[in-house]
C-alpha atoms as a PDB file:
ATOM      1  CA  UNK A   1    -127.909 108.992-122.505  1.00  0.00           C
ATOM      2  CA  UNK A   2    -130.634 106.421-121.768  1.00  0.00           C
ATOM      3  CA  UNK A   3    -129.199 105.799-118.300  1.00  0.00           C
ATOM      4  CA  UNK A   4    -129.378 109.536-117.597  1.00  0.00           C
ATOM      5  CA  UNK A   5    -132.999 109.588-118.784  1.00  0.00           C
ATOM      6  CA  UNK A   6    -133.706 106.747-116.360  1.00  0.00           C
ATOM      7  CA  UNK A   7    -132.091 108.577-113.461  1.00  0.00           C
ATOM      8  CA  UNK A   8    -133.891 111.843-114.201  1.00  0.00           C
ATOM      9  CA  UNK A   9    -137.244 110.064-114.641  1.00  0.00           C
ATOM     10  CA  UNK A  10    -136.720 108.298-111.319  1.00  0.00           C
ATOM     11  CA  UNK A  11    -136.010 111.567-109.555  1.00  0.00           C
ATOM     12  CA  UNK A  12    -139.078 113.137-111.147  1.00  0.00           C
ATOM     13  CA  UNK A  13    -141.127 110.169-109.973  1.00  0.00           C
ATOM     14  CA  UNK A  14    -139.992 110.777-106.388  1.00  0.00           C
ATOM     15  CA  UNK A  15    -140.912 114.449-106.653  1.00  0.00           C
ATOM     16  CA  UNK A  16    -144.390 113.546-107.899  1.00  0.00           C
ATOM     17  CA  UNK A  17    -144.774 111.061-105.036  1.00  0.00           C
ATOM     18  CA  UNK A  18    -143.812 113.759-102.535  1.00  0.00           C
ATOM     19  CA  UNK A  19    -146.400 116.100-104.061  1.00  0.00           C
ATOM     20  CA  UNK A  20    -149.131 113.445-104.137  1.00  0.00           C
ATOM     21  CA  UNK A  21    -149.365 113.330-107.946  1.00  0.00           C
ATOM     22  CA  UNK A  22    -149.540 109.545-108.073  1.00  0.00           C
ATOM     23  CA  UNK A  23    -150.523 109.108-111.720  1.00  0.00           C
ATOM     24  CA  UNK A  24    -147.584 111.219-112.848  1.00  0.00           C
ATOM     25  CA  UNK A  25    -145.311 109.412-110.370  1.00  0.00           C
ATOM     26  CA  UNK A  26    -146.333 106.068-111.868  1.00  0.00           C
ATOM     27  CA  UNK A  27    -145.659 107.271-115.418  1.00  0.00           C
ATOM     28  CA  UNK A  28    -142.236 108.650-114.509  1.00  0.00           C
ATOM     29  CA  UNK A  29    -141.288 105.485-112.612  1.00  0.00           C
ATOM     30  CA  UNK A  30    -142.348 103.339-115.579  1.00  0.00           C
ATOM     31  CA  UNK A  31    -140.110 105.390-117.848  1.00  0.00           C
ATOM     32  CA  UNK A  32    -137.284 105.114-115.321  1.00  0.00           C
ATOM     33  CA  UNK A  33    -137.634 101.324-115.210  1.00  0.00           C
ATOM     34  CA  UNK A  34    -137.306 101.213-118.979  1.00  0.00           C
ATOM     35  CA  UNK A  35    -134.151 103.329-119.129  1.00  0.00           C
ATOM     36  CA  UNK A  36    -132.356 103.130-115.796  1.00  0.00           C
ATOM     37  CA  UNK A  37    -129.248 101.153-114.980  1.00  0.00           C
ATOM     38  CA  UNK A  38    -129.819  97.737-113.468  1.00  0.00           C
ATOM     39  CA  UNK A  39    -128.485  98.972-110.141  1.00  0.00           C
ATOM     40  CA  UNK A  40    -131.348 101.486-109.922  1.00  0.00           C
ATOM     41  CA  UNK A  41    -134.338  99.315-110.795  1.00  0.00           C
ATOM     42  CA  UNK A  42    -135.096  98.568-107.144  1.00  0.00           C
ATOM     43  CA  UNK A  43    -135.852 102.241-106.454  1.00  0.00           C
ATOM     44  CA  UNK A  44    -137.984 102.613-109.555  1.00  0.00           C
ATOM     45  CA  UNK A  45    -140.150  99.569-108.854  1.00  0.00           C
ATOM     46  CA  UNK A  46    -140.476 100.686-105.235  1.00  0.00           C
ATOM     47  CA  UNK A  47    -141.595 104.161-106.295  1.00  0.00           C
ATOM     48  CA  UNK A  48    -144.063 102.780-108.805  1.00  0.00           C
ATOM     49  CA  UNK A  49    -145.454 100.447-106.139  1.00  0.00           C
ATOM     50  CA  UNK A  50    -146.085 103.396-103.833  1.00  0.00           C
ATOM     51  CA  UNK A  51    -147.792 105.323-106.623  1.00  0.00           C
ATOM     52  CA  UNK A  52    -149.977 102.376-107.610  1.00  0.00           C
ATOM     53  CA  UNK A  53    -151.000 101.716-104.016  1.00  0.00           C
ATOM     54  CA  UNK A  54    -152.132 105.322-103.720  1.00  0.00           C
ATOM     55  CA  UNK A  55    -154.022 104.959-107.011  1.00  0.00           C
ATOM     56  CA  UNK A  56    -155.965 102.082-105.384  1.00  0.00           C
ATOM     57  CA  UNK A  57    -154.206  99.482-107.535  1.00  0.00           C
ATOM     58  CA  UNK A  58    -152.693  97.467-104.700  1.00  0.00           C
ATOM     59  CA  UNK A  59    -152.491  94.233-106.663  1.00  0.00           C
ATOM     60  CA  UNK A  60    -150.236  95.871-109.266  1.00  0.00           C
ATOM     61  CA  UNK A  61    -148.247  97.509-106.463  1.00  0.00           C
ATOM     62  CA  UNK A  62    -147.553  94.100-104.927  1.00  0.00           C
ATOM     63  CA  UNK A  63    -146.250  92.924-108.315  1.00  0.00           C
ATOM     64  CA  UNK A  64    -143.862  95.884-108.365  1.00  0.00           C
ATOM     65  CA  UNK A  65    -142.679  95.059-104.853  1.00  0.00           C
ATOM     66  CA  UNK A  66    -141.864  91.537-105.979  1.00  0.00           C
ATOM     67  CA  UNK A  67    -139.922  92.974-108.947  1.00  0.00           C
ATOM     68  CA  UNK A  68    -138.041  95.294-106.576  1.00  0.00           C
ATOM     69  CA  UNK A  69    -137.095  92.306-104.449  1.00  0.00           C
ATOM     70  CA  UNK A  70    -135.789  90.451-107.507  1.00  0.00           C
ATOM     71  CA  UNK A  71    -133.741  93.529-108.441  1.00  0.00           C
ATOM     72  CA  UNK A  72    -132.182  93.670-104.973  1.00  0.00           C
ATOM     73  CA  UNK A  73    -131.361  89.984-104.995  1.00  0.00           C
ATOM     74  CA  UNK A  74    -129.715  90.360-108.404  1.00  0.00           C
ATOM     75  CA  UNK A  75    -127.356  92.897-106.806  1.00  0.00           C
ATOM     76  CA  UNK A  76    -126.420  90.288-104.169  1.00  0.00           C
ATOM     77  CA  UNK A  77    -127.630  92.572-101.397  1.00  0.00           C
ATOM     78  CA  UNK A  78    -127.499  91.113 -97.884  1.00  0.00           C
ATOM     79  CA  UNK A  79    -130.800  89.808 -96.555  1.00  0.00           C
ATOM     80  CA  UNK A  80    -130.264  92.122 -93.569  1.00  0.00           C
ATOM     81  CA  UNK A  81    -130.183  95.210 -95.792  1.00  0.00           C
ATOM     82  CA  UNK A  82    -132.660  97.875 -94.675  1.00  0.00           C
ATOM     83  CA  UNK A  83    -134.174  97.974 -98.171  1.00  0.00           C
ATOM     84  CA  UNK A  84    -135.626  94.480 -97.678  1.00  0.00           C
ATOM     85  CA  UNK A  85    -137.321  95.723 -94.514  1.00  0.00           C
ATOM     86  CA  UNK A  86    -138.745  98.686 -96.475  1.00  0.00           C
ATOM     87  CA  UNK A  87    -140.104  96.239 -99.051  1.00  0.00           C
ATOM     88  CA  UNK A  88    -141.735  94.065 -96.382  1.00  0.00           C
ATOM     89  CA  UNK A  89    -143.407  97.101 -94.805  1.00  0.00           C
ATOM     90  CA  UNK A  90    -144.671  98.366 -98.151  1.00  0.00           C
ATOM     91  CA  UNK A  91    -145.909  94.903 -99.113  1.00  0.00           C
ATOM     92  CA  UNK A  92    -147.835  94.633 -95.839  1.00  0.00           C
ATOM     93  CA  UNK A  93    -149.335  98.061 -96.488  1.00  0.00           C
ATOM     94  CA  UNK A  94    -150.333  97.055-100.027  1.00  0.00           C
ATOM     95  CA  UNK A  95    -151.866  93.798 -98.808  1.00  0.00           C
ATOM     96  CA  UNK A  96    -153.911  95.725 -96.246  1.00  0.00           C
ATOM     97  CA  UNK A  97    -155.031  98.159 -98.971  1.00  0.00           C
ATOM     98  CA  UNK A  98    -155.978  95.228-101.212  1.00  0.00           C
ATOM     99  CA  UNK A  99    -158.070  93.654 -98.438  1.00  0.00           C
ATOM    100  CA  UNK A 100    -159.785  96.997 -97.889  1.00  0.00           C
ATOM    101  CA  UNK A 101    -160.477  97.355-101.631  1.00  0.00           C
ATOM    102  CA  UNK A 102    -161.968  93.855-101.714  1.00  0.00           C
ATOM    103  CA  UNK A 103    -164.166  94.609 -98.686  1.00  0.00           C
ATOM    104  CA  UNK A 104    -165.454  97.801-100.283  1.00  0.00           C
ATOM    105  CA  UNK A 105    -166.199  95.972-103.525  1.00  0.00           C
ATOM    106  CA  UNK A 106    -168.103  93.225-101.731  1.00  0.00           C
ATOM    107  CA  UNK A 107    -170.163  95.821 -99.844  1.00  0.00           C
ATOM    108  CA  UNK A 108    -170.930  97.699-103.060  1.00  0.00           C
ATOM    109  CA  UNK A 109    -172.021  94.555-104.914  1.00  0.00           C
ATOM    110  CA  UNK A 110    -175.049  93.049-103.182  1.00  0.00           C
ATOM    111  CA  UNK A 111    -175.381  89.310-103.558  1.00  0.00           C
ATOM    112  CA  UNK A 112    -178.368  88.325-105.704  1.00  0.00           C
ATOM    113  CA  UNK A 113    -180.704  85.587-104.464  1.00  0.00           C
END
């Protein structure tokens, strides 16, 4: 029953991502991570990373990407697997978003003399 809840929550998370409801996507992915089978955690962390990036929380998204990578490695997935390439692309996107967030913050906070 819990595994089914994890699967359904993961699917709901993907639907929310597709619709652009990133807060709801993050919540559903978090629930999915809690309940899904070990073989599915990669997808859930990946979905939550995408949601968090779009919520301007790139640092947390990068943490989820690292968790997704750990999940893939635990499944003994080949290093040539396309999912690793997806992770690298998403991580690069999150790192770019984080740099942009930091630039905006530094521009908004004038340095005092």
